[in-house]
Amino acid sequence: RPNVVVTDGLTAEEGVGIGLWNSPSIQATLADLGIARADVVEAGLLRNPVLSLLFPVGQKQLEWTLQFPIDVIWQRPKRVAAAQLNAQAVGERLVWDGLTLVAQTKTAHADAVIAEPRLQLTAENADLVQRLAGITEARLRAGDISELEARVGRSDAARVQVLRRAVEHDRDLARITLAALLGMDAETDPVRAVAGPALDPSVCGSEAARLEDALAARPDVRAGEIAIEAAAQRGRWEHSRVLTFI
């Protein structure tokens, strides 16, 4: 686990580090990448030649045969190319999974950061409406207003109390969602999200440029393209095995 202390407040960057470290999907994709790399190594291996020796017994003469897999001469490059493309596709999928988790973690962190100030504002509003309702009740007892006008103040006080409970639920839900993305237990490891330094959007370029870069550099699209190329290479390799049967 990264060297992060969550008791002093969790920034978005710290949350991303913990999320990437604890993510089961990232670990599974890393395992797939290791298997794909092993397939690349296996694809480049050559089979050992086979030497057969038959000793002379009776009228039988001494015989020996040497079998060498000459089919690897034209099959090995295609097999290696297909394995390399498959490993590259898994790598692009790993990048996509990581970027997706980063985006989800930052979004959940932002929700958790703004949830507490929103609750404070709602609580202040509820207290103010409650005070107004008390003033309305005092005016009713003094005979300054009617019962119908007093009910309006009571309704407003009840409504803001319901709204306050809803905002508290949203605050708790935001914390639980963030803790789930980080692979932590919200009860045993309470997470307190704090805002980090503000990001200057001007460094990202214009909106049109960001959209063009996003469409051209999406890892999931690139992984699909590489998977298609890998399937084509495997098809060429399967076609080359015809000579082996011949």
Protein backbone atom coordinates (compact mmCIF):
# COMPACT_ATOMS: atom_id res chain seq x y z
CA ARG A 1 0.00 0.00 0.00
CA PRO A 2 1.34 3.50 -0.73
CA ASN A 3 2.78 5.46 2.19
CA VAL A 4 -0.38 7.50 2.74
CA VAL A 5 -1.87 8.58 6.07
CA VAL A 6 -5.61 9.03 5.69
CA THR A 7 -6.19 10.42 9.19
CA ASP A 8 -4.90 13.87 8.21
CA GLY A 9 -7.20 14.12 5.20
CA LEU A 10 -7.17 12.39 1.85
CA THR A 11 -6.39 14.34 -1.32
CA ALA A 12 -7.41 13.23 -4.80
CA GLU A 13 -3.84 12.20 -5.68
CA GLU A 14 -3.54 10.07 -2.55
CA GLY A 15 -6.90 8.48 -3.28
CA VAL A 16 -5.82 7.61 -6.82
CA GLY A 17 -2.67 5.94 -5.50
CA ILE A 18 -4.57 3.86 -2.97
CA GLY A 19 -7.26 2.96 -5.49
CA LEU A 20 -4.76 1.74 -8.08
CA TRP A 21 -2.91 -0.25 -5.43
CA ASN A 22 -6.01 -1.99 -4.05
CA SER A 23 -8.08 -2.40 -7.22
CA PRO A 24 -8.94 -6.07 -7.92
CA SER A 25 -9.57 -5.34 -11.61
CA ILE A 26 -6.13 -3.79 -12.00
CA GLN A 27 -4.54 -6.80 -10.29
CA ALA A 28 -6.45 -9.17 -12.60
CA THR A 29 -5.37 -7.25 -15.69
CA LEU A 30 -1.77 -7.27 -14.47
CA ALA A 31 -2.00 -11.04 -14.16
CA ASP A 32 -3.35 -11.22 -17.73
CA LEU A 33 -0.44 -9.08 -18.87
CA GLY A 34 2.03 -11.45 -17.22
CA ILE A 35 0.40 -14.40 -18.98
CA ALA A 36 0.51 -12.54 -22.30
CA ARG A 37 4.23 -11.85 -21.86
CA ALA A 38 4.79 -15.52 -21.07
CA ASP A 39 2.98 -16.39 -24.30
CA VAL A 40 5.38 -14.14 -26.20
CA VAL A 41 8.34 -15.98 -24.72
CA GLU A 42 6.75 -19.37 -25.43
CA ALA A 43 5.99 -18.36 -29.01
CA GLY A 44 9.67 -17.69 -29.64
CA LEU A 45 10.87 -21.03 -28.30
CA LEU A 46 12.09 -23.74 -30.69
CA ARG A 47 11.29 -27.39 -30.29
CA ASN A 48 14.23 -29.68 -29.65
CA PRO A 49 15.33 -31.99 -32.46
CA VAL A 50 14.61 -35.72 -31.97
CA LEU A 51 17.36 -38.30 -32.60
CA SER A 52 16.24 -41.93 -32.94
CA LEU A 53 18.76 -44.79 -32.95
CA LEU A 54 17.89 -48.44 -33.73
CA PHE A 55 20.63 -50.92 -32.86
CA PRO A 56 21.28 -53.88 -35.19
CA VAL A 57 19.60 -57.05 -33.96
CA GLY A 58 19.86 -60.21 -36.08
CA GLN A 59 19.56 -59.33 -39.74
CA LYS A 60 18.52 -55.75 -38.96
CA GLN A 61 20.97 -53.03 -39.86
CA LEU A 62 21.91 -50.03 -37.74
CA GLU A 63 19.47 -47.19 -38.38
CA TRP A 64 19.13 -43.66 -37.05
CA THR A 65 16.88 -40.75 -37.85
CA LEU A 66 17.11 -37.06 -36.98
CA GLN A 67 13.86 -35.07 -36.89
CA PHE A 68 14.10 -31.30 -36.89
CA PRO A 69 10.97 -29.08 -36.84
CA ILE A 70 11.67 -27.14 -40.03
CA ASP A 71 8.12 -25.78 -39.96
CA VAL A 72 9.28 -23.22 -37.37
CA ILE A 73 11.16 -21.44 -40.13
CA TRP A 74 7.92 -19.97 -41.51
CA GLN A 75 5.60 -20.42 -38.52
CA ARG A 76 7.65 -18.84 -35.73
CA PRO A 77 7.57 -15.21 -37.02
CA LYS A 78 3.77 -15.29 -37.39
CA ARG A 79 3.30 -16.92 -33.99
CA VAL A 80 5.58 -14.37 -32.29
CA ALA A 81 3.85 -11.46 -34.03
CA ALA A 82 0.41 -12.66 -32.88
CA ALA A 83 1.62 -13.09 -29.28
CA GLN A 84 3.22 -9.64 -29.24
CA LEU A 85 0.05 -7.99 -30.53
CA ASN A 86 -1.99 -9.82 -27.90
CA ALA A 87 0.35 -8.60 -25.14
CA GLN A 88 0.11 -5.05 -26.51
CA ALA A 89 -3.69 -5.26 -26.50
CA VAL A 90 -3.67 -6.39 -22.86
CA GLY A 91 -1.34 -3.49 -22.04
CA GLU A 92 -3.72 -0.98 -23.62
CA ARG A 93 -6.59 -2.54 -21.68
CA LEU A 94 -4.58 -2.11 -18.48
CA VAL A 95 -4.09 1.59 -19.30
CA TRP A 96 -7.82 1.98 -19.93
CA ASP A 97 -8.74 0.27 -16.66
CA GLY A 98 -6.32 2.51 -14.80
CA LEU A 99 -7.62 5.71 -16.40
CA THR A 100 -11.21 4.67 -15.71
CA LEU A 101 -10.41 4.04 -12.05
CA VAL A 102 -8.59 7.38 -11.80
CA ALA A 103 -11.61 9.23 -13.22
CA GLN A 104 -14.03 7.41 -10.93
CA THR A 105 -11.84 8.04 -7.87
CA LYS A 106 -11.46 11.75 -8.61
CA THR A 107 -15.20 12.11 -9.18
CA ALA A 108 -16.02 10.29 -5.93
CA HIS A 109 -13.41 12.37 -4.08
CA ALA A 110 -14.94 15.61 -5.39
CA ASP A 111 -18.40 14.45 -4.30
CA ALA A 112 -17.05 13.64 -0.84
CA VAL A 113 -15.30 17.02 -0.57
CA ILE A 114 -18.38 19.09 -1.43
CA ALA A 115 -20.74 16.91 0.61
CA GLU A 116 -19.58 18.31 3.97
CA PRO A 117 -19.93 22.04 3.08
CA ARG A 118 -23.30 21.30 1.49
CA LEU A 119 -24.43 19.67 4.72
CA GLN A 120 -23.22 22.65 6.75
CA LEU A 121 -25.14 25.07 4.55
CA THR A 122 -28.24 22.90 4.77
CA ALA A 123 -27.93 22.73 8.56
CA GLU A 124 -27.57 26.53 8.80
CA ASN A 125 -30.60 26.96 6.57
CA ALA A 126 -32.56 24.48 8.68
CA ASP A 127 -31.65 26.35 11.87
CA LEU A 128 -32.71 29.65 10.31
CA VAL A 129 -36.04 28.24 9.14
CA GLN A 130 -36.56 26.70 12.59
CA ARG A 131 -36.00 30.12 14.21
CA LEU A 132 -38.47 31.68 11.80
CA ALA A 133 -40.97 28.98 12.68
CA GLY A 134 -40.48 29.83 16.38
CA ILE A 135 -41.13 33.50 15.65
CA THR A 136 -44.25 32.49 13.71
CA GLU A 137 -45.51 30.46 16.68
CA ALA A 138 -44.90 33.44 18.98
CA ARG A 139 -46.88 35.71 16.66
CA LEU A 140 -49.67 33.12 16.60
CA ARG A 141 -49.83 33.07 20.38
CA ALA A 142 -49.89 36.87 20.39
CA GLY A 143 -52.79 36.84 17.94
CA ASP A 144 -50.83 38.68 15.25
CA ILE A 145 -51.34 35.97 12.57
CA SER A 146 -53.86 33.27 11.87
CA GLU A 147 -53.51 29.50 12.24
CA LEU A 148 -53.26 29.09 8.46
CA GLU A 149 -50.27 31.43 8.26
CA ALA A 150 -48.59 29.58 11.12
CA ARG A 151 -48.94 26.28 9.30
CA VAL A 152 -46.83 27.64 6.47
CA GLY A 153 -43.91 28.18 8.83
CA ARG A 154 -44.34 24.71 10.31
CA SER A 155 -44.38 23.15 6.83
CA ASP A 156 -41.18 24.97 5.88
CA ALA A 157 -39.48 23.80 9.07
CA ALA A 158 -40.51 20.19 8.44
CA ARG A 159 -39.41 20.40 4.81
CA VAL A 160 -35.90 21.65 5.60
CA GLN A 161 -35.49 18.95 8.25
CA VAL A 162 -36.28 16.30 5.64
CA LEU A 163 -33.84 17.99 3.26
CA ARG A 164 -31.18 17.99 5.96
CA ARG A 165 -31.56 14.25 6.50
CA ALA A 166 -31.34 13.68 2.73
CA VAL A 167 -28.13 15.70 2.52
CA GLU A 168 -26.70 13.71 5.45
CA HIS A 169 -27.53 10.51 3.57
CA ASP A 170 -25.81 11.86 0.45
CA ARG A 171 -22.73 12.75 2.54
CA ASP A 172 -22.55 9.24 3.99
CA LEU A 173 -23.13 7.68 0.56
CA ALA A 174 -20.31 9.77 -0.95
CA ARG A 175 -17.92 8.58 1.76
CA ILE A 176 -18.93 4.94 1.29
CA THR A 177 -18.56 5.20 -2.49
CA LEU A 178 -15.08 6.69 -2.16
CA ALA A 179 -14.03 4.06 0.36
CA ALA A 180 -15.31 1.28 -1.92
CA LEU A 181 -13.26 2.59 -4.85
CA LEU A 182 -10.19 2.75 -2.62
CA GLY A 183 -10.71 -0.82 -1.41
CA MET A 184 -11.17 0.33 2.19
CA ASP A 185 -13.78 -0.20 4.88
CA ALA A 186 -15.70 2.99 5.59
CA GLU A 187 -16.38 1.88 9.19
CA THR A 188 -12.92 0.70 10.27
CA ASP A 189 -10.98 3.16 8.04
CA PRO A 190 -12.93 6.44 7.98
CA VAL A 191 -12.02 8.58 5.00
CA ARG A 192 -12.04 12.37 5.22
CA ALA A 193 -11.60 13.88 1.79
CA VAL A 194 -9.87 17.25 1.57
CA ALA A 195 -9.58 19.52 -1.44
CA GLY A 196 -6.23 19.73 -3.19
CA PRO A 197 -4.75 22.60 -5.22
CA ALA A 198 -7.02 23.96 -7.91
CA LEU A 199 -6.32 22.81 -11.47
CA ASP A 200 -5.82 25.42 -14.16
CA PRO A 201 -7.91 24.25 -17.15
CA SER A 202 -5.91 26.44 -19.56
CA VAL A 203 -2.98 23.99 -19.48
CA CYS A 204 -5.22 21.33 -21.07
CA GLY A 205 -5.74 23.34 -24.24
CA SER A 206 -9.03 24.15 -25.90
CA GLU A 207 -12.12 21.98 -25.60
CA ALA A 208 -11.92 20.97 -29.27
CA ALA A 209 -8.27 19.91 -28.86
CA ARG A 210 -9.10 17.87 -25.75
CA LEU A 211 -11.95 16.14 -27.57
CA GLU A 212 -9.70 15.31 -30.52
CA ASP A 213 -6.99 13.92 -28.25
CA ALA A 214 -9.54 11.86 -26.31
CA LEU A 215 -10.95 10.28 -29.45
CA ALA A 216 -7.50 9.59 -30.92
CA ALA A 217 -5.86 8.24 -27.77
CA ARG A 218 -8.57 6.18 -26.09
CA PRO A 219 -6.82 3.03 -24.84
CA ASP A 220 -9.95 0.90 -25.13
CA VAL A 221 -10.32 1.75 -28.83
CA ARG A 222 -6.63 1.10 -29.41
CA ALA A 223 -6.88 -2.22 -27.55
CA GLY A 224 -9.72 -3.27 -29.83
CA GLU A 225 -7.73 -2.37 -32.93
CA ILE A 226 -4.71 -4.32 -31.70
CA ALA A 227 -6.93 -7.30 -30.84
CA ILE A 228 -8.17 -7.32 -34.43
CA GLU A 229 -4.58 -7.24 -35.71
CA ALA A 230 -3.65 -10.08 -33.33
CA ALA A 231 -6.57 -12.16 -34.61
CA ALA A 232 -5.40 -11.58 -38.18
CA GLN A 233 -1.88 -12.69 -37.26
CA ARG A 234 -3.23 -15.83 -35.59
CA GLY A 235 -5.20 -16.53 -38.76
CA ARG A 236 -2.03 -16.30 -40.85
CA TRP A 237 -0.28 -18.60 -38.41
CA GLU A 238 -3.08 -21.17 -38.66
CA HIS A 239 -2.86 -21.03 -42.45
CA SER A 240 0.88 -21.65 -42.31
CA ARG A 241 0.29 -24.88 -40.34
CA VAL A 242 -1.07 -26.48 -43.52
CA LEU A 243 2.50 -27.09 -44.65
CA THR A 244 3.15 -28.94 -41.40
CA PHE A 245 0.42 -31.49 -42.14
CA ILE A 246 1.70 -31.86 -45.70
